[in-house]
Amino acid sequence: MNHPVGLPTLFGPHDEAYDLVNLRQASVWASDHLKKDITPSNISYLVQYGRVKKHVLGGSTYVSLSDLKDYYQHHVGDKEKEWKSKLGDDLNWSLSFDHVREKDTTKHVHRLHPYKGKFIPQLVEYFLDEHTDEYKEEVFFQPGDIVLDPFCGSGTTLVQSNEMGLHAVGVDVSIFNTLISNVKIAQHDIDKLSDEIIRIASYFLQNGINDRNVKFEAELLEELKKFNKEHYPSPEFKRMVRIGEIDERYYSADREKEVVTIYNDLVSKHGVKIHQSELVAGREYLNKWYLAPVLSEIDILLNQVGKVDCINSRRALEVILSRTARSCRATRHADLATLKEPVTAPYYCKKHGKICKPLFSVKSWWKRYSQDTLNRLNTFNEIRTDAHQYCLQGDSRTVDIVDALDNKHNHLKDLVDGQGIQGIFTSPPYVGLIDYHEQHAYAYELFNYARSDEKEIGARYLRDREWLQKIFFRKV
């Protein structure tokens, strides 16, 4: 394989390792090969998870360009040709946004909170913004128009409408979805929110941390570090699994038994309470999916968030707490998006290729998400326009938008009443695939929000009903 022009190498053309390059050089080659931005971190990920072999020379990490090319051919391939062969040559591949980096599809407030089934902001931009494509034959909206999203979800349409100077009204049957959407588009006092975060963090450190749990987790982490170094060397173990030299299932079943013995000894030594001693009515989800130390800390944060007077700051803090709670459920890392069964002891993690553990504290996640939220809200504040947006909680089939906006956003109410709505842009529910309320069940129980599952259109839990089977799952 020829070495890419412009990439220096330590090796000559006759050396066996001629195509070895460092991570930065590999990212340059991959970016040119795939015609999209590939960073050194992307290459490091492939090495870390055993997708390409790691070579160490002089203490530095190198990868083979031949290995990289083989990987991309096998896992990426020519997607455009593949999909056009299935859907037809008139497929507009530019709308796949395959070239767009993840950091751009999750820019500023779009990653304020996880949400299943949302579309990327670039898709909204394409259809709403007259400047996104000079070859577009038709422009549907102009600045100052009002857009309606009747299935608002997490607010992507509202946020992008603001960027483009469009007014927008969202409607969603889920009260939690309206919370996420309205926090994203609200005008936040960043200093005030930051002060509340500092206050809560200070209170939490003084009153929410159990020293016994801290010592237990520190010792457990040290034991797992030694255990993984011996039994799951990285990235060698992952690569051996991938090429079939190790049977992952049988090997790890034996290792799990060994590490659980170590874990139980530490639990006994430190007197840590893992399971909740009292199950609270109305908290069935929280009772099942949270270890006792974690739920105790969440409740302390919840109490402090409830004391915040500023409504915008309190709602932003609720989103931070919800995001924290989601990440701290007692589940395997690979099952975080779709829960399978609670985990109360260390386990073999297929995602990371080693023994991992459930969480025993929310401290690091609360801190991380607090800072991330401040950064994202501040970034959006710097680019936001004067256009108005609001998400209403209700059934889009029956809601009276003008009446519903009364006392919620009077200026937007007057605009809608005066000029009407110029058009609709939305992503309808994914019929039979998602239970939109259940994906945020922890938030509904934490904040005591009313649920409206019965009003979801095509909810997953209805999938087995006779009418849905006839419509969507009949045999052809």
Protein backbone atom coordinates (compact mmCIF):
# COMPACT_ATOMS: atom_id res chain seq x y z
CA MET A 1 0.00 0.00 0.00
CA ASN A 2 1.40 3.40 -0.96
CA HIS A 3 2.08 5.80 1.87
CA PRO A 4 -0.11 8.94 1.61
CA VAL A 5 1.64 11.97 0.14
CA GLY A 6 2.39 14.59 2.76
CA LEU A 7 2.45 12.19 5.72
CA PRO A 8 5.90 11.79 7.26
CA THR A 9 6.95 8.34 8.42
CA LEU A 10 9.75 6.82 10.45
CA PHE A 11 10.07 3.98 7.97
CA GLY A 12 11.47 3.56 4.49
CA PRO A 13 9.69 1.96 1.52
CA HIS A 14 11.46 -1.38 2.06
CA ASP A 15 10.67 -1.65 5.76
CA GLU A 16 8.03 -4.17 6.85
CA ALA A 17 6.22 -1.50 8.92
CA TYR A 18 6.19 1.10 6.15
CA ASP A 19 2.44 1.78 6.40
CA LEU A 20 2.45 2.41 10.16
CA VAL A 21 1.42 5.97 11.08
CA ASN A 22 0.56 7.76 14.30
CA LEU A 23 -2.99 8.69 15.24
CA ARG A 24 -2.81 12.20 13.82
CA GLN A 25 -1.45 10.98 10.50
CA ALA A 26 -4.09 8.24 10.42
CA SER A 27 -6.83 10.82 10.95
CA VAL A 28 -5.54 12.86 7.99
CA TRP A 29 -5.56 9.78 5.76
CA ALA A 30 -9.02 8.65 6.95
CA SER A 31 -10.50 12.12 6.44
CA ASP A 32 -9.29 12.12 2.84
CA HIS A 33 -10.35 8.52 2.26
CA LEU A 34 -13.89 8.98 3.62
CA LYS A 35 -14.32 12.61 2.52
CA LYS A 36 -15.38 13.62 6.03
CA ASP A 37 -13.66 14.89 9.16
CA ILE A 38 -12.05 12.02 11.13
CA THR A 39 -10.22 13.09 14.28
CA PRO A 40 -7.32 11.40 16.12
CA SER A 41 -9.88 10.59 18.86
CA ASN A 42 -11.93 8.65 16.28
CA ILE A 43 -8.86 6.58 15.41
CA SER A 44 -8.04 6.11 19.10
CA TYR A 45 -11.56 4.72 19.58
CA LEU A 46 -10.94 2.09 16.89
CA VAL A 47 -7.72 1.08 18.64
CA GLN A 48 -9.27 1.08 22.10
CA TYR A 49 -12.11 -1.22 21.03
CA GLY A 50 -9.92 -3.57 19.03
CA ARG A 51 -11.24 -2.58 15.59
CA VAL A 52 -7.69 -2.04 14.33
CA LYS A 53 -4.49 -3.42 15.77
CA LYS A 54 -2.36 -1.27 18.06
CA HIS A 55 1.38 -1.01 17.36
CA VAL A 56 3.68 0.50 19.99
CA LEU A 57 7.00 1.95 18.89
CA GLY A 58 9.17 4.09 21.14
CA GLY A 59 6.29 4.37 23.62
CA SER A 60 3.93 5.86 21.02
CA THR A 61 0.85 4.31 19.40
CA TYR A 62 0.78 3.57 15.68
CA VAL A 63 -1.76 1.93 13.39
CA SER A 64 -1.49 0.28 10.01
CA LEU A 65 -3.06 2.12 7.09
CA SER A 66 -3.78 -1.28 5.54
CA ASP A 67 -5.75 -2.26 8.66
CA LEU A 68 -7.64 1.04 8.55
CA LYS A 69 -8.51 0.62 4.88
CA ASP A 70 -9.76 -2.92 5.48
CA TYR A 71 -11.85 -1.75 8.43
CA TYR A 72 -13.50 1.10 6.54
CA GLN A 73 -14.19 -1.08 3.52
CA HIS A 74 -15.86 -3.70 5.70
CA HIS A 75 -17.78 -1.43 8.10
CA VAL A 76 -18.39 1.67 6.02
CA GLY A 77 -18.17 0.66 2.37
CA ASP A 78 -19.95 2.62 -0.30
CA LYS A 79 -23.18 3.45 1.54
CA GLU A 80 -24.53 5.64 -1.21
CA LYS A 81 -24.40 2.87 -3.83
CA GLU A 82 -25.82 0.35 -1.38
CA TRP A 83 -28.85 2.48 -0.51
CA LYS A 84 -29.47 3.58 -4.09
CA SER A 85 -29.53 -0.08 -5.11
CA LYS A 86 -32.33 -0.59 -2.56
CA LEU A 87 -34.28 2.64 -2.93
CA GLY A 88 -33.52 3.86 -6.43
CA ASP A 89 -31.04 6.14 -8.19
CA ASP A 90 -33.17 9.22 -7.54
CA LEU A 91 -32.28 9.03 -3.83
CA ASN A 92 -30.95 12.42 -2.67
CA TRP A 93 -27.88 11.17 -0.80
CA SER A 94 -27.03 14.66 0.45
CA LEU A 95 -30.01 14.36 2.81
CA SER A 96 -28.33 11.44 4.58
CA PHE A 97 -25.89 14.01 6.02
CA ASP A 98 -23.37 11.20 6.12
CA HIS A 99 -20.57 13.75 5.92
CA VAL A 100 -21.66 15.69 9.01
CA ARG A 101 -19.66 15.22 12.20
CA GLU A 102 -21.39 14.09 15.40
CA LYS A 103 -20.35 17.26 17.22
CA ASP A 104 -22.33 19.22 14.60
CA THR A 105 -25.43 17.01 14.78
CA THR A 106 -25.40 17.47 18.57
CA LYS A 107 -24.36 21.13 18.60
CA HIS A 108 -25.15 23.46 21.52
CA VAL A 109 -28.52 22.66 23.17
CA HIS A 110 -29.37 19.72 20.90
CA ARG A 111 -27.52 17.42 23.30
CA LEU A 112 -28.99 18.87 26.46
CA HIS A 113 -30.74 15.57 27.22
CA PRO A 114 -30.90 12.14 25.51
CA TYR A 115 -34.04 11.46 23.50
CA LYS A 116 -34.95 8.51 21.29
CA GLY A 117 -36.29 9.20 17.83
CA LYS A 118 -35.19 12.78 17.19
CA PHE A 119 -33.99 13.99 13.82
CA ILE A 120 -30.75 15.90 13.33
CA PRO A 121 -30.76 19.73 13.11
CA GLN A 122 -29.20 19.71 9.63
CA LEU A 123 -32.37 18.12 8.24
CA VAL A 124 -34.48 20.91 9.73
CA GLU A 125 -32.07 23.53 8.39
CA TYR A 126 -32.29 22.10 4.88
CA PHE A 127 -36.05 22.47 4.64
CA LEU A 128 -36.52 25.64 6.67
CA ASP A 129 -33.55 27.76 5.61
CA GLU A 130 -33.43 29.28 2.13
CA HIS A 131 -29.62 29.45 2.20
CA THR A 132 -28.72 25.79 2.87
CA ASP A 133 -28.73 24.64 -0.75
CA GLU A 134 -28.40 26.91 -3.78
CA TYR A 135 -29.99 24.25 -6.00
CA LYS A 136 -33.24 24.03 -4.04
CA GLU A 137 -36.10 24.88 -6.39
CA GLU A 138 -38.54 25.91 -3.67
CA VAL A 139 -38.27 27.83 -0.39
CA PHE A 140 -41.05 27.14 2.08
CA PHE A 141 -40.38 29.63 4.90
CA GLN A 142 -39.05 33.16 5.30
CA PRO A 143 -37.77 34.88 8.48
CA GLY A 144 -40.73 36.04 10.53
CA ASP A 145 -42.97 33.15 9.46
CA ILE A 146 -44.50 30.86 12.06
CA VAL A 147 -43.76 27.12 11.95
CA LEU A 148 -45.81 24.47 13.76
CA ASP A 149 -44.34 21.19 15.01
CA PRO A 150 -47.30 19.10 16.27
CA PHE A 151 -45.02 16.28 17.48
CA CYS A 152 -42.36 18.45 19.05
CA GLY A 153 -40.40 15.77 20.92
CA SER A 154 -37.20 17.27 22.29
CA GLY A 155 -37.55 20.56 20.39
CA THR A 156 -35.19 20.27 17.40
CA THR A 157 -37.55 22.21 15.12
CA LEU A 158 -38.00 24.98 17.69
CA VAL A 159 -34.27 25.43 18.26
CA GLN A 160 -33.44 25.53 14.56
CA SER A 161 -36.33 27.90 13.91
CA ASN A 162 -34.81 30.30 16.41
CA GLU A 163 -31.41 30.10 14.68
CA MET A 164 -33.06 31.02 11.38
CA GLY A 165 -35.25 33.82 12.70
CA LEU A 166 -38.50 31.85 12.41
CA HIS A 167 -41.20 31.87 15.07
CA ALA A 168 -42.36 28.40 16.07
CA VAL A 169 -44.98 26.63 18.16
CA GLY A 170 -44.50 23.07 19.32
CA VAL A 171 -47.08 20.68 20.71
CA ASP A 172 -46.35 17.44 22.52
CA VAL A 173 -48.49 15.10 24.58
CA SER A 174 -45.59 14.45 27.00
CA ILE A 175 -45.06 16.99 29.76
CA PHE A 176 -41.42 15.95 30.04
CA ASN A 177 -40.86 16.58 26.33
CA THR A 178 -42.23 20.09 26.74
CA LEU A 179 -39.82 20.61 29.63
CA ILE A 180 -36.80 19.67 27.49
CA SER A 181 -37.97 21.78 24.55
CA ASN A 182 -38.73 24.90 26.58
CA VAL A 183 -35.47 24.71 28.54
CA LYS A 184 -33.57 24.59 25.24
CA ILE A 185 -35.20 27.71 23.81
CA ALA A 186 -35.58 29.75 27.03
CA GLN A 187 -33.47 32.86 27.58
CA HIS A 188 -31.38 31.82 30.59
CA ASP A 189 -29.47 33.98 33.03
CA ILE A 190 -26.27 31.95 32.94
CA ASP A 191 -24.77 33.66 36.00
CA LYS A 192 -27.88 32.99 38.07
CA LEU A 193 -28.00 29.35 36.97
CA SER A 194 -24.29 28.96 37.68
CA ASP A 195 -24.75 30.34 41.20
CA GLU A 196 -27.50 27.80 41.89
CA ILE A 197 -25.32 24.97 40.60
CA ILE A 198 -22.49 26.05 42.90
CA ARG A 199 -24.87 26.31 45.86
CA ILE A 200 -26.32 22.86 45.28
CA ALA A 201 -22.89 21.31 44.73
CA SER A 202 -21.64 22.79 48.00
CA TYR A 203 -24.66 21.49 49.92
CA PHE A 204 -24.34 18.08 48.27
CA LEU A 205 -20.67 17.69 49.21
CA GLN A 206 -21.43 18.53 52.83
CA ASN A 207 -24.64 16.56 53.24
CA GLY A 208 -24.97 14.04 50.41
CA ILE A 209 -21.74 12.05 50.45
CA ASN A 210 -21.49 8.94 52.63
CA ASP A 211 -17.83 8.41 53.59
CA ARG A 212 -18.35 4.67 53.96
CA ASN A 213 -19.62 4.42 50.39
CA VAL A 214 -16.71 6.52 49.11
CA LYS A 215 -14.12 4.23 50.73
CA PHE A 216 -15.93 1.14 49.47
CA GLU A 217 -16.05 2.37 45.87
CA ALA A 218 -12.42 3.51 45.91
CA GLU A 219 -11.26 0.09 47.07
CA LEU A 220 -13.54 -1.67 44.59
CA LEU A 221 -12.15 0.41 41.72
CA GLU A 222 -8.60 -0.50 42.72
CA GLU A 223 -9.47 -4.21 42.82
CA LEU A 224 -11.19 -4.03 39.43
CA LYS A 225 -8.23 -2.20 37.95
CA LYS A 226 -5.89 -5.01 38.97
CA PHE A 227 -8.34 -7.70 37.90
CA ASN A 228 -8.89 -6.18 34.45
CA LYS A 229 -5.20 -5.64 33.87
CA GLU A 230 -4.59 -9.34 34.47
CA HIS A 231 -7.61 -10.84 32.69
CA TYR A 232 -8.68 -8.19 30.16
CA PRO A 233 -5.55 -6.45 28.82
CA SER A 234 -6.57 -3.63 26.48
CA PRO A 235 -6.78 -3.57 23.53
CA GLU A 236 -5.37 -7.09 23.09
CA PHE A 237 -8.37 -8.83 24.67
CA LYS A 238 -10.92 -7.07 22.44
CA ARG A 239 -8.93 -7.88 19.34
CA MET A 240 -8.62 -11.56 20.33
CA VAL A 241 -12.39 -11.72 20.83
CA ARG A 242 -13.01 -10.07 17.46
CA ILE A 243 -10.81 -12.54 15.56
CA GLY A 244 -12.21 -15.53 17.47
CA GLU A 245 -9.22 -16.52 19.58
CA ILE A 246 -11.26 -16.11 22.80
CA ASP A 247 -14.84 -17.24 23.37
CA GLU A 248 -16.12 -14.09 25.06
CA ARG A 249 -19.17 -15.65 26.68
CA TYR A 250 -17.54 -18.63 28.41
CA TYR A 251 -14.35 -16.82 29.34
CA SER A 252 -16.17 -13.93 31.00
CA ALA A 253 -18.73 -16.10 32.82
CA ASP A 254 -15.90 -17.60 34.86
CA ARG A 255 -14.25 -14.22 35.47
CA GLU A 256 -17.56 -12.73 36.68
CA LYS A 257 -17.82 -15.40 39.37
CA GLU A 258 -14.35 -14.55 40.60
CA VAL A 259 -14.92 -10.81 40.77
CA VAL A 260 -18.34 -11.10 42.47
CA THR A 261 -16.64 -12.90 45.36
CA ILE A 262 -14.22 -9.97 45.73
CA TYR A 263 -17.16 -7.55 45.53
CA ASN A 264 -19.23 -9.30 48.20
CA ASP A 265 -16.26 -9.32 50.58
CA LEU A 266 -15.87 -5.54 50.15
CA VAL A 267 -19.60 -4.92 50.68
CA SER A 268 -19.41 -6.85 53.94
CA LYS A 269 -16.16 -5.17 55.00
CA HIS A 270 -17.52 -1.62 54.58
CA GLY A 271 -21.11 -2.36 55.61
CA VAL A 272 -22.50 -0.80 52.43
CA LYS A 273 -26.25 -0.89 51.88
CA ILE A 274 -26.79 -1.81 48.22
CA HIS A 275 -30.52 -2.49 48.08
CA GLN A 276 -33.27 -0.14 49.17
CA SER A 277 -34.75 -1.20 52.48
CA GLU A 278 -38.05 0.58 51.86
CA LEU A 279 -39.92 0.51 48.55
CA VAL A 280 -41.93 3.70 48.09
CA ALA A 281 -45.35 3.58 46.42
CA GLY A 282 -45.50 5.56 43.18
CA ARG A 283 -41.78 5.02 42.65
CA GLU A 284 -41.85 1.60 41.05
CA TYR A 285 -39.32 2.51 38.37
CA LEU A 286 -36.94 4.18 40.83
CA ASN A 287 -37.28 1.26 43.25
CA LYS A 288 -36.26 -1.19 40.53
CA TRP A 289 -33.51 0.60 38.64
CA TYR A 290 -31.50 2.45 41.31
CA LEU A 291 -29.17 1.23 44.03
CA ALA A 292 -29.83 2.63 47.49
CA PRO A 293 -26.76 4.96 47.63
CA VAL A 294 -27.59 6.47 44.23
CA LEU A 295 -31.28 7.10 44.92
CA SER A 296 -30.42 8.67 48.27
CA GLU A 297 -28.14 11.18 46.56
CA ILE A 298 -30.68 11.88 43.80
CA ASP A 299 -33.30 12.73 46.42
CA ILE A 300 -30.93 15.18 48.11
CA LEU A 301 -30.34 16.95 44.80
CA LEU A 302 -34.06 16.88 44.03
CA ASN A 303 -34.82 18.61 47.32
CA GLN A 304 -32.29 21.36 46.57
CA VAL A 305 -33.50 21.88 43.01
CA GLY A 306 -37.02 22.36 44.37
CA LYS A 307 -35.81 25.32 46.44
CA VAL A 308 -34.74 27.38 43.40
CA ASP A 309 -37.00 30.44 42.92
CA CYS A 310 -36.14 31.34 39.32
CA ILE A 311 -38.42 29.21 37.13
CA ASN A 312 -36.03 29.05 34.16
CA SER A 313 -33.11 28.04 36.38
CA ARG A 314 -35.20 25.44 38.21
CA ARG A 315 -36.34 23.87 34.96
CA ALA A 316 -32.78 23.77 33.63
CA LEU A 317 -31.69 22.07 36.86
CA GLU A 318 -34.48 19.53 36.47
CA VAL A 319 -33.10 18.65 33.05
CA ILE A 320 -29.61 18.28 34.53
CA LEU A 321 -30.95 16.06 37.31
CA SER A 322 -32.95 13.96 34.86
CA ARG A 323 -29.91 13.49 32.64
CA THR A 324 -27.88 12.52 35.71
CA ALA A 325 -30.52 10.06 36.88
CA ARG A 326 -30.65 8.44 33.45
CA SER A 327 -26.91 7.80 33.43
CA CYS A 328 -26.92 6.40 36.97
CA ARG A 329 -29.43 3.59 36.56
CA ALA A 330 -28.31 0.16 37.74
CA THR A 331 -27.84 -1.37 34.30
CA ARG A 332 -25.09 -2.62 32.04
CA HIS A 333 -23.40 0.04 29.91
CA ALA A 334 -24.51 -1.68 26.73
CA ASP A 335 -28.15 -1.65 27.88
CA LEU A 336 -28.42 2.01 28.87
CA ALA A 337 -30.65 2.94 25.92
CA THR A 338 -32.88 -0.14 26.25
CA LEU A 339 -32.96 -1.60 29.75
CA LYS A 340 -33.00 -5.37 30.21
CA GLU A 341 -32.41 -6.22 33.88
CA PRO A 342 -31.08 -4.41 36.96
CA VAL A 343 -27.42 -4.95 37.84
CA THR A 344 -26.31 -4.85 41.47
CA ALA A 345 -22.76 -6.26 41.22
CA PRO A 346 -19.74 -6.05 38.88
CA TYR A 347 -20.31 -7.68 35.48
CA TYR A 348 -18.56 -8.34 32.20
CA CYS A 349 -19.21 -5.37 29.90
CA LYS A 350 -19.34 -6.19 26.18
CA LYS A 351 -19.14 -2.50 25.33
CA HIS A 352 -15.81 -1.94 27.12
CA GLY A 353 -14.41 -5.47 26.98
CA LYS A 354 -13.70 -5.72 30.71
CA ILE A 355 -15.34 -6.03 34.13
CA CYS A 356 -17.39 -2.93 34.93
CA LYS A 357 -19.50 -2.04 37.95
CA PRO A 358 -22.82 -0.32 38.62
CA LEU A 359 -22.69 3.24 39.94
CA PHE A 360 -22.76 3.97 43.67
CA SER A 361 -22.73 7.77 43.46
CA VAL A 362 -24.08 10.49 41.13
CA LYS A 363 -21.41 13.00 42.11
CA SER A 364 -19.27 12.91 38.95
CA TRP A 365 -22.27 12.83 36.58
CA TRP A 366 -24.03 15.74 38.28
CA LYS A 367 -20.85 17.80 38.04
CA ARG A 368 -20.20 16.84 34.43
CA TYR A 369 -23.73 17.52 33.21
CA SER A 370 -24.01 20.77 35.15
CA GLN A 371 -20.96 22.19 33.41
CA ASP A 372 -21.99 20.78 30.03
CA THR A 373 -25.45 22.36 30.34
CA LEU A 374 -24.01 25.76 31.22
CA ASN A 375 -21.69 25.58 28.22
CA ARG A 376 -24.44 24.54 25.81
CA LEU A 377 -26.95 27.13 27.00
CA ASN A 378 -24.30 29.84 26.85
CA THR A 379 -23.29 28.82 23.32
CA PHE A 380 -26.89 28.98 22.14
CA ASN A 381 -27.40 32.35 23.85
CA GLU A 382 -24.62 33.76 21.69
CA ILE A 383 -26.28 32.79 18.38
CA ARG A 384 -29.99 32.99 19.24
CA THR A 385 -32.24 35.42 17.36
CA ASP A 386 -35.17 37.52 18.59
CA ALA A 387 -37.71 35.07 17.14
CA HIS A 388 -40.17 33.46 19.56
CA GLN A 389 -40.79 29.77 20.25
CA TYR A 390 -42.78 27.79 22.79
CA CYS A 391 -43.81 24.16 23.26
CA LEU A 392 -47.33 23.44 24.51
CA GLN A 393 -48.24 20.31 26.42
CA GLY A 394 -51.33 18.73 24.92
CA ASP A 395 -52.83 16.55 22.22
CA SER A 396 -51.99 18.03 18.82
CA ARG A 397 -55.22 16.60 17.39
CA THR A 398 -57.43 18.72 19.64
CA VAL A 399 -55.37 21.60 21.07
CA ASP A 400 -56.49 25.18 20.44
CA ILE A 401 -53.10 26.82 19.93
CA VAL A 402 -54.14 30.43 20.47
CA ASP A 403 -56.04 29.67 23.69
CA ALA A 404 -53.27 27.36 24.93
CA LEU A 405 -50.63 30.09 24.44
CA ASP A 406 -52.63 32.48 26.66
CA ASN A 407 -50.54 33.35 29.77
CA LYS A 408 -47.79 31.02 28.55
CA HIS A 409 -46.34 33.13 25.73
CA ASN A 410 -48.60 36.12 25.03
CA HIS A 411 -46.37 37.65 22.36
CA LEU A 412 -46.35 34.41 20.38
CA LYS A 413 -50.10 34.14 20.92
CA ASP A 414 -50.61 37.57 19.32
CA LEU A 415 -48.39 36.61 16.36
CA VAL A 416 -50.29 33.37 15.73
CA ASP A 417 -53.63 35.13 16.15
CA GLY A 418 -52.57 37.90 13.75
CA GLN A 419 -50.77 36.14 10.92
CA GLY A 420 -51.62 32.48 11.36
CA ILE A 421 -49.21 29.60 10.88
CA GLN A 422 -47.34 29.45 7.57
CA GLY A 423 -46.54 25.73 7.62
CA ILE A 424 -45.84 22.51 9.50
CA PHE A 425 -42.51 20.74 9.89
CA THR A 426 -42.43 17.65 12.09
CA SER A 427 -41.23 14.11 12.64
CA PRO A 428 -44.29 11.95 13.35
CA PRO A 429 -44.11 9.22 16.02
CA TYR A 430 -42.28 6.01 15.12
CA VAL A 431 -45.31 3.72 15.19
CA GLY A 432 -44.81 0.58 17.27
CA LEU A 433 -41.15 1.31 18.05
CA ILE A 434 -40.96 3.70 21.02
CA ASP A 435 -42.85 4.22 24.27
CA TYR A 436 -42.24 7.94 24.51
CA HIS A 437 -43.26 8.28 28.16
CA GLU A 438 -41.49 5.16 29.36
CA GLN A 439 -38.11 6.26 28.02
CA HIS A 440 -38.14 9.01 30.67
CA ALA A 441 -39.98 7.10 33.41
CA TYR A 442 -37.38 8.13 36.01
CA ALA A 443 -38.16 11.82 35.40
CA TYR A 444 -41.93 11.34 35.71
CA GLU A 445 -41.50 9.70 39.10
CA LEU A 446 -38.85 12.12 40.34
CA PHE A 447 -40.79 15.27 39.50
CA ASN A 448 -44.22 13.72 40.03
CA TYR A 449 -45.29 14.57 36.48
CA ALA A 450 -48.63 13.33 35.17
CA ARG A 451 -48.30 10.79 32.35
CA SER A 452 -50.42 10.66 29.20
CA ASP A 453 -49.31 7.32 27.75
CA GLU A 454 -52.82 6.56 26.52
CA LYS A 455 -52.64 9.56 24.17
CA GLU A 456 -49.43 8.46 22.46
CA ILE A 457 -49.96 7.65 18.77
CA GLY A 458 -48.70 4.14 17.94
CA ALA A 459 -46.90 3.52 21.23
CA ARG A 460 -44.71 0.43 21.35
CA TYR A 461 -46.70 -1.15 24.17
CA LEU A 462 -49.74 -1.19 21.83
CA ARG A 463 -47.85 -3.11 19.18
CA ASP A 464 -49.51 -6.46 19.92
CA ARG A 465 -53.04 -5.14 19.74
CA GLU A 466 -55.12 -6.59 16.95
CA TRP A 467 -55.72 -3.33 15.09
CA LEU A 468 -52.02 -2.46 15.01
CA GLN A 469 -51.09 -5.94 13.84
CA LYS A 470 -53.58 -5.72 10.97
CA ILE A 471 -52.33 -2.32 9.85
CA PHE A 472 -48.57 -2.61 10.27
CA PHE A 473 -47.62 -6.27 10.72
CA ARG A 474 -49.90 -8.17 8.33
CA LYS A 475 -48.22 -10.74 6.13
CA VAL A 476 -47.99 -9.80 2.48
